[in-house]
Amino acid sequence: MDNIAQVAAKLDIIQRTSLTLYGRYDLNKSIIWMVEEMGEVVAAVRKGKSKEDITGELGDLLAWILCLGNILDIQISEALEQTFTKEVNRQLRQYGCLKYAAQEPGLQSDGSGADLDNA
């Protein structure tokens, strides 16, 4: 598996690509579009739509999240890394290890938090 730095680099490329595709659209309109896309994801899941349909809706939602990052000059990779780090620290405090690591193939937890580099 790629380590977090490699994943972040790929996400940064995707975010730059979204800037090329969508530009820095109006903030308020972008928020509305993002919320609408979130509703479409929820509706697709609740209606039992196909994996392909849900995948498309998730892609649409992610595109608007990336657009918001571009408008607000926030690297989504940094935001995600902060969230992951916060959650790793929370799980280590609460459980002494990553709670779900043993359930996912290829993901190991020794309780040190070092598994982030292999996620």
PDB file of N, CA and C in Angstrom:
ATOM      1  N   MET A   1       0.832  -1.194   0.000  1.00  0.00           N
ATOM      2  CA  MET A   1       0.000   0.000   0.000  1.00  0.00           C
ATOM      3  C   MET A   1       0.868   1.246   0.000  1.00  0.00           C
ATOM      4  N   ASP A   2       0.354   2.281  -0.622  1.00  0.00           N
ATOM      5  CA  ASP A   2       1.060   3.556  -0.608  1.00  0.00           C
ATOM      6  C   ASP A   2       1.075   4.125   0.797  1.00  0.00           C
ATOM      7  N   ASN A   3       2.129   4.866   1.131  1.00  0.00           N
ATOM      8  CA  ASN A   3       2.097   5.523   2.425  1.00  0.00           C
ATOM      9  C   ASN A   3       1.330   6.841   2.305  1.00  0.00           C
ATOM     10  N   ILE A   4       1.071   7.452   3.423  1.00  0.00           N
ATOM     11  CA  ILE A   4       0.243   8.662   3.457  1.00  0.00           C
ATOM     12  C   ILE A   4       0.817   9.763   2.576  1.00  0.00           C
ATOM     13  N   ALA A   5       2.130   9.942   2.582  1.00  0.00           N
ATOM     14  CA  ALA A   5       2.751  10.998   1.772  1.00  0.00           C
ATOM     15  C   ALA A   5       2.495  10.769   0.276  1.00  0.00           C
ATOM     16  N   GLN A   6       2.565   9.520  -0.164  1.00  0.00           N
ATOM     17  CA  GLN A   6       2.308   9.213  -1.571  1.00  0.00           C
ATOM     18  C   GLN A   6       0.843   9.448  -1.919  1.00  0.00           C
ATOM     19  N   VAL A   7      -0.028   9.041  -1.027  1.00  0.00           N
ATOM     20  CA  VAL A   7      -1.459   9.258  -1.252  1.00  0.00           C
ATOM     21  C   VAL A   7      -1.753  10.746  -1.292  1.00  0.00           C
ATOM     22  N   ALA A   8      -1.162  11.505  -0.366  1.00  0.00           N
ATOM     23  CA  ALA A   8      -1.371  12.955  -0.326  1.00  0.00           C
ATOM     24  C   ALA A   8      -0.892  13.598  -1.627  1.00  0.00           C
ATOM     25  N   ALA A   9       0.246  13.155  -2.136  1.00  0.00           N
ATOM     26  CA  ALA A   9       0.766  13.712  -3.385  1.00  0.00           C
ATOM     27  C   ALA A   9      -0.201  13.459  -4.531  1.00  0.00           C
ATOM     28  N   LYS A  10      -0.782  12.265  -4.567  1.00  0.00           N
ATOM     29  CA  LYS A  10      -1.763  11.950  -5.617  1.00  0.00           C
ATOM     30  C   LYS A  10      -3.014  12.807  -5.458  1.00  0.00           C
ATOM     31  N   LEU A  11      -3.455  12.977  -4.226  1.00  0.00           N
ATOM     32  CA  LEU A  11      -4.632  13.798  -3.981  1.00  0.00           C
ATOM     33  C   LEU A  11      -4.368  15.255  -4.370  1.00  0.00           C
ATOM     34  N   ASP A  12      -3.155  15.743  -4.126  1.00  0.00           N
ATOM     35  CA  ASP A  12      -2.804  17.110  -4.530  1.00  0.00           C
ATOM     36  C   ASP A  12      -2.884  17.264  -6.051  1.00  0.00           C
ATOM     37  N   ILE A  13      -2.454  16.243  -6.784  1.00  0.00           N
ATOM     38  CA  ILE A  13      -2.548  16.282  -8.255  1.00  0.00           C
ATOM     39  C   ILE A  13      -4.013  16.312  -8.680  1.00  0.00           C
ATOM     40  N   ILE A  14      -4.827  15.493  -8.040  1.00  0.00           N
ATOM     41  CA  ILE A  14      -6.257  15.472  -8.359  1.00  0.00           C
ATOM     42  C   ILE A  14      -6.886  16.829  -8.051  1.00  0.00           C
ATOM     43  N   GLN A  15      -6.495  17.437  -6.919  1.00  0.00           N
ATOM     44  CA  GLN A  15      -7.058  18.740  -6.576  1.00  0.00           C
ATOM     45  C   GLN A  15      -6.626  19.801  -7.590  1.00  0.00           C
ATOM     46  N   ARG A  16      -5.378  19.769  -8.034  1.00  0.00           N
ATOM     47  CA  ARG A  16      -4.937  20.726  -9.068  1.00  0.00           C
ATOM     48  C   ARG A  16      -5.697  20.497 -10.371  1.00  0.00           C
ATOM     49  N   THR A  17      -5.973  19.228 -10.688  1.00  0.00           N
ATOM     50  CA  THR A  17      -6.745  18.920 -11.891  1.00  0.00           C
ATOM     51  C   THR A  17      -8.150  19.487 -11.776  1.00  0.00           C
ATOM     52  N   SER A  18      -8.744  19.393 -10.594  1.00  0.00           N
ATOM     53  CA  SER A  18     -10.093  19.951 -10.413  1.00  0.00           C
ATOM     54  C   SER A  18     -10.079  21.461 -10.581  1.00  0.00           C
ATOM     55  N   LEU A  19      -8.978  22.106 -10.186  1.00  0.00           N
ATOM     56  CA  LEU A  19      -8.866  23.555 -10.392  1.00  0.00           C
ATOM     57  C   LEU A  19      -8.842  23.873 -11.880  1.00  0.00           C
ATOM     58  N   THR A  20      -8.150  23.033 -12.650  1.00  0.00           N
ATOM     59  CA  THR A  20      -8.110  23.220 -14.101  1.00  0.00           C
ATOM     60  C   THR A  20      -9.497  23.008 -14.721  1.00  0.00           C
ATOM     61  N   LEU A  21     -10.226  22.017 -14.230  1.00  0.00           N
ATOM     62  CA  LEU A  21     -11.551  21.708 -14.779  1.00  0.00           C
ATOM     63  C   LEU A  21     -12.626  22.706 -14.367  1.00  0.00           C
ATOM     64  N   TYR A  22     -12.647  23.057 -13.086  1.00  0.00           N
ATOM     65  CA  TYR A  22     -13.751  23.840 -12.531  1.00  0.00           C
ATOM     66  C   TYR A  22     -13.389  25.272 -12.178  1.00  0.00           C
ATOM     67  N   GLY A  23     -12.102  25.590 -12.099  1.00  0.00           N
ATOM     68  CA  GLY A  23     -11.692  26.922 -11.693  1.00  0.00           C
ATOM     69  C   GLY A  23     -12.046  27.182 -10.235  1.00  0.00           C
ATOM     70  N   ARG A  24     -12.101  28.448  -9.888  1.00  0.00           N
ATOM     71  CA  ARG A  24     -12.495  28.852  -8.533  1.00  0.00           C
ATOM     72  C   ARG A  24     -13.904  29.419  -8.625  1.00  0.00           C
ATOM     73  N   TYR A  25     -14.847  28.509  -8.606  1.00  0.00           N
ATOM     74  CA  TYR A  25     -16.256  28.844  -8.753  1.00  0.00           C
ATOM     75  C   TYR A  25     -16.719  29.652  -7.544  1.00  0.00           C
ATOM     76  N   ASP A  26     -17.869  30.263  -7.644  1.00  0.00           N
ATOM     77  CA  ASP A  26     -18.464  31.050  -6.569  1.00  0.00           C
ATOM     78  C   ASP A  26     -18.620  30.199  -5.300  1.00  0.00           C
ATOM     79  N   LEU A  27     -18.185  30.722  -4.160  1.00  0.00           N
ATOM     80  CA  LEU A  27     -18.194  29.973  -2.907  1.00  0.00           C
ATOM     81  C   LEU A  27     -19.600  29.534  -2.504  1.00  0.00           C
ATOM     82  N   ASN A  28     -20.534  30.454  -2.465  1.00  0.00           N
ATOM     83  CA  ASN A  28     -21.892  30.117  -2.013  1.00  0.00           C
ATOM     84  C   ASN A  28     -22.568  29.110  -2.936  1.00  0.00           C
ATOM     85  N   LYS A  29     -22.402  29.287  -4.227  1.00  0.00           N
ATOM     86  CA  LYS A  29     -22.977  28.325  -5.168  1.00  0.00           C
ATOM     87  C   LYS A  29     -22.311  26.957  -5.020  1.00  0.00           C
ATOM     88  N   SER A  30     -21.013  26.956  -4.769  1.00  0.00           N
ATOM     89  CA  SER A  30     -20.292  25.692  -4.604  1.00  0.00           C
ATOM     90  C   SER A  30     -20.765  24.943  -3.364  1.00  0.00           C
ATOM     91  N   ILE A  31     -21.019  25.674  -2.297  1.00  0.00           N
ATOM     92  CA  ILE A  31     -21.542  25.041  -1.082  1.00  0.00           C
ATOM     93  C   ILE A  31     -22.895  24.412  -1.366  1.00  0.00           C
ATOM     94  N   ILE A  32     -23.742  25.135  -2.080  1.00  0.00           N
ATOM     95  CA  ILE A  32     -25.066  24.603  -2.424  1.00  0.00           C
ATOM     96  C   ILE A  32     -24.926  23.341  -3.273  1.00  0.00           C
ATOM     97  N   TRP A  33     -24.046  23.371  -4.278  1.00  0.00           N
ATOM     98  CA  TRP A  33     -23.847  22.201  -5.130  1.00  0.00           C
ATOM     99  C   TRP A  33     -23.313  21.023  -4.325  1.00  0.00           C
ATOM    100  N   MET A  34     -22.376  21.295  -3.397  1.00  0.00           N
ATOM    101  CA  MET A  34     -21.818  20.219  -2.591  1.00  0.00           C
ATOM    102  C   MET A  34     -22.896  19.569  -1.716  1.00  0.00           C
ATOM    103  N   VAL A  35     -23.724  20.393  -1.094  1.00  0.00           N
ATOM    104  CA  VAL A  35     -24.800  19.867  -0.247  1.00  0.00           C
ATOM    105  C   VAL A  35     -25.793  19.074  -1.097  1.00  0.00           C
ATOM    106  N   GLU A  36     -26.087  19.569  -2.282  1.00  0.00           N
ATOM    107  CA  GLU A  36     -26.992  18.837  -3.176  1.00  0.00           C
ATOM    108  C   GLU A  36     -26.408  17.476  -3.538  1.00  0.00           C
ATOM    109  N   GLU A  37     -25.112  17.447  -3.826  1.00  0.00           N
ATOM    110  CA  GLU A  37     -24.466  16.173  -4.160  1.00  0.00           C
ATOM    111  C   GLU A  37     -24.479  15.221  -2.966  1.00  0.00           C
ATOM    112  N   MET A  38     -24.311  15.753  -1.753  1.00  0.00           N
ATOM    113  CA  MET A  38     -24.387  14.901  -0.565  1.00  0.00           C
ATOM    114  C   MET A  38     -25.775  14.277  -0.464  1.00  0.00           C
ATOM    115  N   GLY A  39     -26.796  15.071  -0.734  1.00  0.00           N
ATOM    116  CA  GLY A  39     -28.156  14.540  -0.738  1.00  0.00           C
ATOM    117  C   GLY A  39     -28.339  13.446  -1.769  1.00  0.00           C
ATOM    118  N   GLU A  40     -27.707  13.597  -2.923  1.00  0.00           N
ATOM    119  CA  GLU A  40     -27.808  12.577  -3.966  1.00  0.00           C
ATOM    120  C   GLU A  40     -27.106  11.285  -3.546  1.00  0.00           C
ATOM    121  N   VAL A  41     -25.990  11.395  -2.823  1.00  0.00           N
ATOM    122  CA  VAL A  41     -25.315  10.202  -2.303  1.00  0.00           C
ATOM    123  C   VAL A  41     -26.240   9.480  -1.333  1.00  0.00           C
ATOM    124  N   VAL A  42     -26.795  10.231  -0.392  1.00  0.00           N
ATOM    125  CA  VAL A  42     -27.692   9.645   0.610  1.00  0.00           C
ATOM    126  C   VAL A  42     -28.893   8.990  -0.069  1.00  0.00           C
ATOM    127  N   ALA A  43     -29.492   9.676  -1.025  1.00  0.00           N
ATOM    128  CA  ALA A  43     -30.657   9.133  -1.725  1.00  0.00           C
ATOM    129  C   ALA A  43     -30.301   7.846  -2.473  1.00  0.00           C
ATOM    130  N   ALA A  44     -29.145   7.831  -3.127  1.00  0.00           N
ATOM    131  CA  ALA A  44     -28.727   6.645  -3.876  1.00  0.00           C
ATOM    132  C   ALA A  44     -28.533   5.446  -2.944  1.00  0.00           C
ATOM    133  N   VAL A  45     -27.940   5.687  -1.795  1.00  0.00           N
ATOM    134  CA  VAL A  45     -27.720   4.602  -0.828  1.00  0.00           C
ATOM    135  C   VAL A  45     -29.053   4.112  -0.284  1.00  0.00           C
ATOM    136  N   ARG A  46     -29.895   5.039   0.137  1.00  0.00           N
ATOM    137  CA  ARG A  46     -31.186   4.658   0.738  1.00  0.00           C
ATOM    138  C   ARG A  46     -32.103   3.945  -0.243  1.00  0.00           C
ATOM    139  N   LYS A  47     -32.003   4.293  -1.518  1.00  0.00           N
ATOM    140  CA  LYS A  47     -32.852   3.657  -2.530  1.00  0.00           C
ATOM    141  C   LYS A  47     -32.258   2.351  -3.038  1.00  0.00           C
ATOM    142  N   GLY A  48     -31.085   1.986  -2.518  1.00  0.00           N
ATOM    143  CA  GLY A  48     -30.462   0.731  -2.943  1.00  0.00           C
ATOM    144  C   GLY A  48     -29.968   0.767  -4.375  1.00  0.00           C
ATOM    145  N   LYS A  49     -29.553   1.947  -4.830  1.00  0.00           N
ATOM    146  CA  LYS A  49     -29.036   2.060  -6.197  1.00  0.00           C
ATOM    147  C   LYS A  49     -27.803   1.190  -6.367  1.00  0.00           C
ATOM    148  N   SER A  50     -27.396   1.003  -7.600  1.00  0.00           N
ATOM    149  CA  SER A  50     -26.243   0.148  -7.904  1.00  0.00           C
ATOM    150  C   SER A  50     -24.957   0.778  -7.383  1.00  0.00           C
ATOM    151  N   LYS A  51     -23.960  -0.069  -7.199  1.00  0.00           N
ATOM    152  CA  LYS A  51     -22.645   0.402  -6.781  1.00  0.00           C
ATOM    153  C   LYS A  51     -22.113   1.437  -7.771  1.00  0.00           C
ATOM    154  N   GLU A  52     -22.370   1.210  -9.048  1.00  0.00           N
ATOM    155  CA  GLU A  52     -21.931   2.143 -10.093  1.00  0.00           C
ATOM    156  C   GLU A  52     -22.583   3.512  -9.903  1.00  0.00           C
ATOM    157  N   ASP A  53     -23.884   3.541  -9.620  1.00  0.00           N
ATOM    158  CA  ASP A  53     -24.581   4.812  -9.398  1.00  0.00           C
ATOM    159  C   ASP A  53     -24.048   5.533  -8.166  1.00  0.00           C
ATOM    160  N   ILE A  54     -23.855   4.778  -7.079  1.00  0.00           N
ATOM    161  CA  ILE A  54     -23.352   5.379  -5.844  1.00  0.00           C
ATOM    162  C   ILE A  54     -21.930   5.892  -6.051  1.00  0.00           C
ATOM    163  N   THR A  55     -21.124   5.126  -6.781  1.00  0.00           N
ATOM    164  CA  THR A  55     -19.759   5.556  -7.098  1.00  0.00           C
ATOM    165  C   THR A  55     -19.769   6.894  -7.831  1.00  0.00           C
ATOM    166  N   GLY A  56     -20.652   7.034  -8.793  1.00  0.00           N
ATOM    167  CA  GLY A  56     -20.769   8.293  -9.528  1.00  0.00           C
ATOM    168  C   GLY A  56     -21.155   9.450  -8.628  1.00  0.00           C
ATOM    169  N   GLU A  57     -22.100   9.198  -7.729  1.00  0.00           N
ATOM    170  CA  GLU A  57     -22.528  10.257  -6.808  1.00  0.00           C
ATOM    171  C   GLU A  57     -21.405  10.640  -5.846  1.00  0.00           C
ATOM    172  N   LEU A  58     -20.662   9.647  -5.353  1.00  0.00           N
ATOM    173  CA  LEU A  58     -19.521   9.947  -4.480  1.00  0.00           C
ATOM    174  C   LEU A  58     -18.459  10.757  -5.222  1.00  0.00           C
ATOM    175  N   GLY A  59     -18.249  10.424  -6.492  1.00  0.00           N
ATOM    176  CA  GLY A  59     -17.303  11.187  -7.308  1.00  0.00           C
ATOM    177  C   GLY A  59     -17.742  12.628  -7.467  1.00  0.00           C
ATOM    178  N   ASP A  60     -19.041  12.838  -7.700  1.00  0.00           N
ATOM    179  CA  ASP A  60     -19.565  14.202  -7.814  1.00  0.00           C
ATOM    180  C   ASP A  60     -19.356  14.979  -6.521  1.00  0.00           C
ATOM    181  N   LEU A  61     -19.640  14.327  -5.392  1.00  0.00           N
ATOM    182  CA  LEU A  61     -19.465  14.974  -4.095  1.00  0.00           C
ATOM    183  C   LEU A  61     -17.996  15.332  -3.871  1.00  0.00           C
ATOM    184  N   LEU A  62     -17.108  14.396  -4.159  1.00  0.00           N
ATOM    185  CA  LEU A  62     -15.687  14.651  -3.969  1.00  0.00           C
ATOM    186  C   LEU A  62     -15.207  15.807  -4.851  1.00  0.00           C
ATOM    187  N   ALA A  63     -15.720  15.880  -6.064  1.00  0.00           N
ATOM    188  CA  ALA A  63     -15.338  16.982  -6.957  1.00  0.00           C
ATOM    189  C   ALA A  63     -15.683  18.333  -6.332  1.00  0.00           C
ATOM    190  N   TRP A  64     -16.851  18.437  -5.715  1.00  0.00           N
ATOM    191  CA  TRP A  64     -17.244  19.705  -5.081  1.00  0.00           C
ATOM    192  C   TRP A  64     -16.454  19.978  -3.818  1.00  0.00           C
ATOM    193  N   ILE A  65     -16.060  18.936  -3.087  1.00  0.00           N
ATOM    194  CA  ILE A  65     -15.192  19.129  -1.929  1.00  0.00           C
ATOM    195  C   ILE A  65     -13.838  19.684  -2.384  1.00  0.00           C
ATOM    196  N   LEU A  66     -13.310  19.118  -3.460  1.00  0.00           N
ATOM    197  CA  LEU A  66     -12.055  19.619  -4.014  1.00  0.00           C
ATOM    198  C   LEU A  66     -12.197  21.058  -4.489  1.00  0.00           C
ATOM    199  N   CYS A  67     -13.328  21.375  -5.101  1.00  0.00           N
ATOM    200  CA  CYS A  67     -13.583  22.758  -5.545  1.00  0.00           C
ATOM    201  C   CYS A  67     -13.589  23.715  -4.363  1.00  0.00           C
ATOM    202  N   LEU A  68     -14.249  23.322  -3.286  1.00  0.00           N
ATOM    203  CA  LEU A  68     -14.265  24.172  -2.092  1.00  0.00           C
ATOM    204  C   LEU A  68     -12.852  24.371  -1.553  1.00  0.00           C
ATOM    205  N   GLY A  69     -12.069  23.308  -1.549  1.00  0.00           N
ATOM    206  CA  GLY A  69     -10.682  23.442  -1.122  1.00  0.00           C
ATOM    207  C   GLY A  69      -9.942  24.458  -1.976  1.00  0.00           C
ATOM    208  N   ASN A  70     -10.146  24.404  -3.280  1.00  0.00           N
ATOM    209  CA  ASN A  70      -9.484  25.356  -4.176  1.00  0.00           C
ATOM    210  C   ASN A  70      -9.964  26.786  -3.932  1.00  0.00           C
ATOM    211  N   ILE A  71     -11.257  26.963  -3.764  1.00  0.00           N
ATOM    212  CA  ILE A  71     -11.806  28.298  -3.532  1.00  0.00           C
ATOM    213  C   ILE A  71     -11.254  28.885  -2.235  1.00  0.00           C
ATOM    214  N   LEU A  72     -11.155  28.043  -1.202  1.00  0.00           N
ATOM    215  CA  LEU A  72     -10.720  28.498   0.120  1.00  0.00           C
ATOM    216  C   LEU A  72      -9.210  28.384   0.326  1.00  0.00           C
ATOM    217  N   ASP A  73      -8.499  27.939  -0.728  1.00  0.00           N
ATOM    218  CA  ASP A  73      -7.043  27.757  -0.683  1.00  0.00           C
ATOM    219  C   ASP A  73      -6.638  26.799   0.439  1.00  0.00           C
ATOM    220  N   ILE A  74      -7.338  25.661   0.498  1.00  0.00           N
ATOM    221  CA  ILE A  74      -7.063  24.609   1.480  1.00  0.00           C
ATOM    222  C   ILE A  74      -6.696  23.344   0.723  1.00  0.00           C
ATOM    223  N   GLN A  75      -5.551  22.756   1.075  1.00  0.00           N
ATOM    224  CA  GLN A  75      -5.163  21.485   0.483  1.00  0.00           C
ATOM    225  C   GLN A  75      -5.967  20.389   1.164  1.00  0.00           C
ATOM    226  N   ILE A  76      -6.792  19.695   0.405  1.00  0.00           N
ATOM    227  CA  ILE A  76      -7.628  18.634   0.949  1.00  0.00           C
ATOM    228  C   ILE A  76      -6.752  17.517   1.531  1.00  0.00           C
ATOM    229  N   SER A  77      -5.592  17.281   0.951  1.00  0.00           N
ATOM    230  CA  SER A  77      -4.690  16.258   1.495  1.00  0.00           C
ATOM    231  C   SER A  77      -4.267  16.609   2.917  1.00  0.00           C
ATOM    232  N   GLU A  78      -3.991  17.875   3.173  1.00  0.00           N
ATOM    233  CA  GLU A  78      -3.617  18.300   4.522  1.00  0.00           C
ATOM    234  C   GLU A  78      -4.794  18.152   5.481  1.00  0.00           C
ATOM    235  N   ALA A  79      -5.988  18.525   5.026  1.00  0.00           N
ATOM    236  CA  ALA A  79      -7.179  18.394   5.865  1.00  0.00           C
ATOM    237  C   ALA A  79      -7.414  16.928   6.216  1.00  0.00           C
ATOM    238  N   LEU A  80      -7.273  16.053   5.234  1.00  0.00           N
ATOM    239  CA  LEU A  80      -7.493  14.628   5.462  1.00  0.00           C
ATOM    240  C   LEU A  80      -6.424  14.035   6.374  1.00  0.00           C
ATOM    241  N   GLU A  81      -5.182  14.441   6.181  1.00  0.00           N
ATOM    242  CA  GLU A  81      -4.106  13.955   7.038  1.00  0.00           C
ATOM    243  C   GLU A  81      -4.339  14.390   8.488  1.00  0.00           C
ATOM    244  N   GLN A  82      -4.779  15.629   8.695  1.00  0.00           N
ATOM    245  CA  GLN A  82      -5.094  16.107  10.048  1.00  0.00           C
ATOM    246  C   GLN A  82      -6.212  15.270  10.667  1.00  0.00           C
ATOM    247  N   THR A  83      -7.245  14.973   9.871  1.00  0.00           N
ATOM    248  CA  THR A  83      -8.360  14.169  10.368  1.00  0.00           C
ATOM    249  C   THR A  83      -7.906  12.765  10.731  1.00  0.00           C
ATOM    250  N   PHE A  84      -7.106  12.142   9.862  1.00  0.00           N
ATOM    251  CA  PHE A  84      -6.605  10.796  10.142  1.00  0.00           C
ATOM    252  C   PHE A  84      -5.739  10.785  11.401  1.00  0.00           C
ATOM    253  N   THR A  85      -4.858  11.761  11.525  1.00  0.00           N
ATOM    254  CA  THR A  85      -3.990  11.838  12.692  1.00  0.00           C
ATOM    255  C   THR A  85      -4.813  11.999  13.962  1.00  0.00           C
ATOM    256  N   LYS A  86      -5.807  12.861  13.920  1.00  0.00           N
ATOM    257  CA  LYS A  86      -6.681  13.071  15.074  1.00  0.00           C
ATOM    258  C   LYS A  86      -7.393  11.769  15.445  1.00  0.00           C
ATOM    259  N   GLU A  87      -7.882  11.026  14.450  1.00  0.00           N
ATOM    260  CA  GLU A  87      -8.601   9.786  14.713  1.00  0.00           C
ATOM    261  C   GLU A  87      -7.663   8.689  15.222  1.00  0.00           C
ATOM    262  N   VAL A  88      -6.458   8.599  14.671  1.00  0.00           N
ATOM    263  CA  VAL A  88      -5.482   7.627  15.161  1.00  0.00           C
ATOM    264  C   VAL A  88      -5.193   7.905  16.629  1.00  0.00           C
ATOM    265  N   ASN A  89      -4.940   9.153  16.946  1.00  0.00           N
ATOM    266  CA  ASN A  89      -4.643   9.506  18.341  1.00  0.00           C
ATOM    267  C   ASN A  89      -5.826   9.194  19.254  1.00  0.00           C
ATOM    268  N   ARG A  90      -7.037   9.443  18.789  1.00  0.00           N
ATOM    269  CA  ARG A  90      -8.222   9.149  19.589  1.00  0.00           C
ATOM    270  C   ARG A  90      -8.349   7.650  19.842  1.00  0.00           C
ATOM    271  N   GLN A  91      -8.180   6.851  18.785  1.00  0.00           N
ATOM    272  CA  GLN A  91      -8.289   5.403  18.949  1.00  0.00           C
ATOM    273  C   GLN A  91      -7.177   4.847  19.837  1.00  0.00           C
ATOM    274  N   LEU A  92      -5.975   5.381  19.697  1.00  0.00           N
ATOM    275  CA  LEU A  92      -4.875   4.909  20.539  1.00  0.00           C
ATOM    276  C   LEU A  92      -5.144   5.233  22.003  1.00  0.00           C
ATOM    277  N   ARG A  93      -5.678   6.413  22.279  1.00  0.00           N
ATOM    278  CA  ARG A  93      -6.024   6.769  23.657  1.00  0.00           C
ATOM    279  C   ARG A  93      -7.146   5.887  24.187  1.00  0.00           C
ATOM    280  N   GLN A  94      -8.175   5.680  23.356  1.00  0.00           N
ATOM    281  CA  GLN A  94      -9.359   4.966  23.818  1.00  0.00           C
ATOM    282  C   GLN A  94      -9.175   3.448  23.850  1.00  0.00           C
ATOM    283  N   TYR A  95      -8.517   2.886  22.831  1.00  0.00           N
ATOM    284  CA  TYR A  95      -8.434   1.429  22.699  1.00  0.00           C
ATOM    285  C   TYR A  95      -7.023   0.866  22.859  1.00  0.00           C
ATOM    286  N   GLY A  96      -6.006   1.726  22.800  1.00  0.00           N
ATOM    287  CA  GLY A  96      -4.629   1.260  22.878  1.00  0.00           C
ATOM    288  C   GLY A  96      -4.094   0.744  21.557  1.00  0.00           C
ATOM    289  N   CYS A  97      -4.908   0.765  20.524  1.00  0.00           N
ATOM    290  CA  CYS A  97      -4.513   0.336  19.178  1.00  0.00           C
ATOM    291  C   CYS A  97      -5.538   0.912  18.200  1.00  0.00           C
ATOM    292  N   LEU A  98      -5.306   0.681  16.924  1.00  0.00           N
ATOM    293  CA  LEU A  98      -6.302   1.075  15.929  1.00  0.00           C
ATOM    294  C   LEU A  98      -7.394   0.021  15.925  1.00  0.00           C
ATOM    295  N   LYS A  99      -8.579   0.412  16.298  1.00  0.00           N
ATOM    296  CA  LYS A  99      -9.688  -0.507  16.545  1.00  0.00           C
ATOM    297  C   LYS A  99      -9.992  -1.427  15.364  1.00  0.00           C
ATOM    298  N   TYR A 100      -9.937  -0.912  14.155  1.00  0.00           N
ATOM    299  CA  TYR A 100     -10.366  -1.688  12.991  1.00  0.00           C
ATOM    300  C   TYR A 100      -9.212  -2.261  12.185  1.00  0.00           C
ATOM    301  N   ALA A 101      -7.981  -2.024  12.591  1.00  0.00           N
ATOM    302  CA  ALA A 101      -6.822  -2.450  11.799  1.00  0.00           C
ATOM    303  C   ALA A 101      -6.797  -3.950  11.574  1.00  0.00           C
ATOM    304  N   ALA A 102      -7.147  -4.735  12.570  1.00  0.00           N
ATOM    305  CA  ALA A 102      -7.110  -6.189  12.427  1.00  0.00           C
ATOM    306  C   ALA A 102      -8.173  -6.694  11.464  1.00  0.00           C
ATOM    307  N   GLN A 103      -9.194  -5.879  11.199  1.00  0.00           N
ATOM    308  CA  GLN A 103     -10.294  -6.294  10.329  1.00  0.00           C
ATOM    309  C   GLN A 103     -10.012  -6.045   8.853  1.00  0.00           C
ATOM    310  N   GLU A 104      -8.995  -5.243   8.558  1.00  0.00           N
ATOM    311  CA  GLU A 104      -8.689  -4.895   7.175  1.00  0.00           C
ATOM    312  C   GLU A 104      -7.412  -5.580   6.725  1.00  0.00           C
ATOM    313  N   PRO A 105      -7.462  -6.323   5.604  1.00  0.00           N
ATOM    314  CA  PRO A 105      -6.259  -6.986   5.097  1.00  0.00           C
ATOM    315  C   PRO A 105      -5.157  -5.971   4.816  1.00  0.00           C
ATOM    316  N   GLY A 106      -3.946  -6.289   5.242  1.00  0.00           N
ATOM    317  CA  GLY A 106      -2.801  -5.431   4.961  1.00  0.00           C
ATOM    318  C   GLY A 106      -2.633  -4.284   5.926  1.00  0.00           C
ATOM    319  N   LEU A 107      -3.545  -4.112   6.848  1.00  0.00           N
ATOM    320  CA  LEU A 107      -3.457  -3.024   7.818  1.00  0.00           C
ATOM    321  C   LEU A 107      -3.162  -3.624   9.174  1.00  0.00           C
ATOM    322  N   GLN A 108      -2.062  -3.252   9.754  1.00  0.00           N
ATOM    323  CA  GLN A 108      -1.628  -3.792  11.038  1.00  0.00           C
ATOM    324  C   GLN A 108      -1.555  -2.658  12.041  1.00  0.00           C
ATOM    325  N   SER A 109      -1.780  -2.959  13.297  1.00  0.00           N
ATOM    326  CA  SER A 109      -1.621  -1.969  14.347  1.00  0.00           C
ATOM    327  C   SER A 109      -0.816  -2.561  15.478  1.00  0.00           C
ATOM    328  N   ASP A 110       0.288  -1.879  15.807  1.00  0.00           N
ATOM    329  CA  ASP A 110       1.071  -2.303  16.962  1.00  0.00           C
ATOM    330  C   ASP A 110       0.833  -1.367  18.136  1.00  0.00           C
ATOM    331  N   GLY A 111      -0.140  -0.457  17.975  1.00  0.00           N
ATOM    332  CA  GLY A 111      -0.461   0.486  19.029  1.00  0.00           C
ATOM    333  C   GLY A 111       0.386   1.732  19.003  1.00  0.00           C
ATOM    334  N   SER A 112       1.339   1.819  18.086  1.00  0.00           N
ATOM    335  CA  SER A 112       2.251   2.970  18.057  1.00  0.00           C
ATOM    336  C   SER A 112       1.732   4.082  17.155  1.00  0.00           C
ATOM    337  N   GLY A 113       0.788   3.795  16.304  1.00  0.00           N
ATOM    338  CA  GLY A 113       0.339   4.774  15.328  1.00  0.00           C
ATOM    339  C   GLY A 113       1.188   4.740  14.065  1.00  0.00           C
ATOM    340  N   ALA A 114       2.221   3.901  14.058  1.00  0.00           N
ATOM    341  CA  ALA A 114       3.119   3.827  12.912  1.00  0.00           C
ATOM    342  C   ALA A 114       2.431   3.301  11.669  1.00  0.00           C
ATOM    343  N   ASP A 115       1.290   2.643  11.836  1.00  0.00           N
ATOM    344  CA  ASP A 115       0.592   2.078  10.690  1.00  0.00           C
ATOM    345  C   ASP A 115       0.106   3.155   9.739  1.00  0.00           C
ATOM    346  N   LEU A 116       0.055   4.393  10.159  1.00  0.00           N
ATOM    347  CA  LEU A 116      -0.342   5.469   9.261  1.00  0.00           C
ATOM    348  C   LEU A 116       0.565   5.521   8.049  1.00  0.00           C
ATOM    349  N   ASP A 117       1.840   5.210   8.217  1.00  0.00           N
ATOM    350  CA  ASP A 117       2.755   5.258   7.087  1.00  0.00           C
ATOM    351  C   ASP A 117       2.500   4.140   6.091  1.00  0.00           C
ATOM    352  N   ASN A 118       1.736   3.143   6.484  1.00  0.00           N
ATOM    353  CA  ASN A 118       1.443   2.033   5.590  1.00  0.00           C
ATOM    354  C   ASN A 118      -0.006   2.018   5.138  1.00  0.00           C
ATOM    355  N   ALA A 119      -0.754   3.026   5.532  1.00  0.00           N
ATOM    356  CA  ALA A 119      -2.190   3.058   5.185  1.00  0.00           C
ATOM    357  C   ALA A 119      -2.379   3.430   3.742  1.00  0.00           C
TER     358      ALA A 119
END
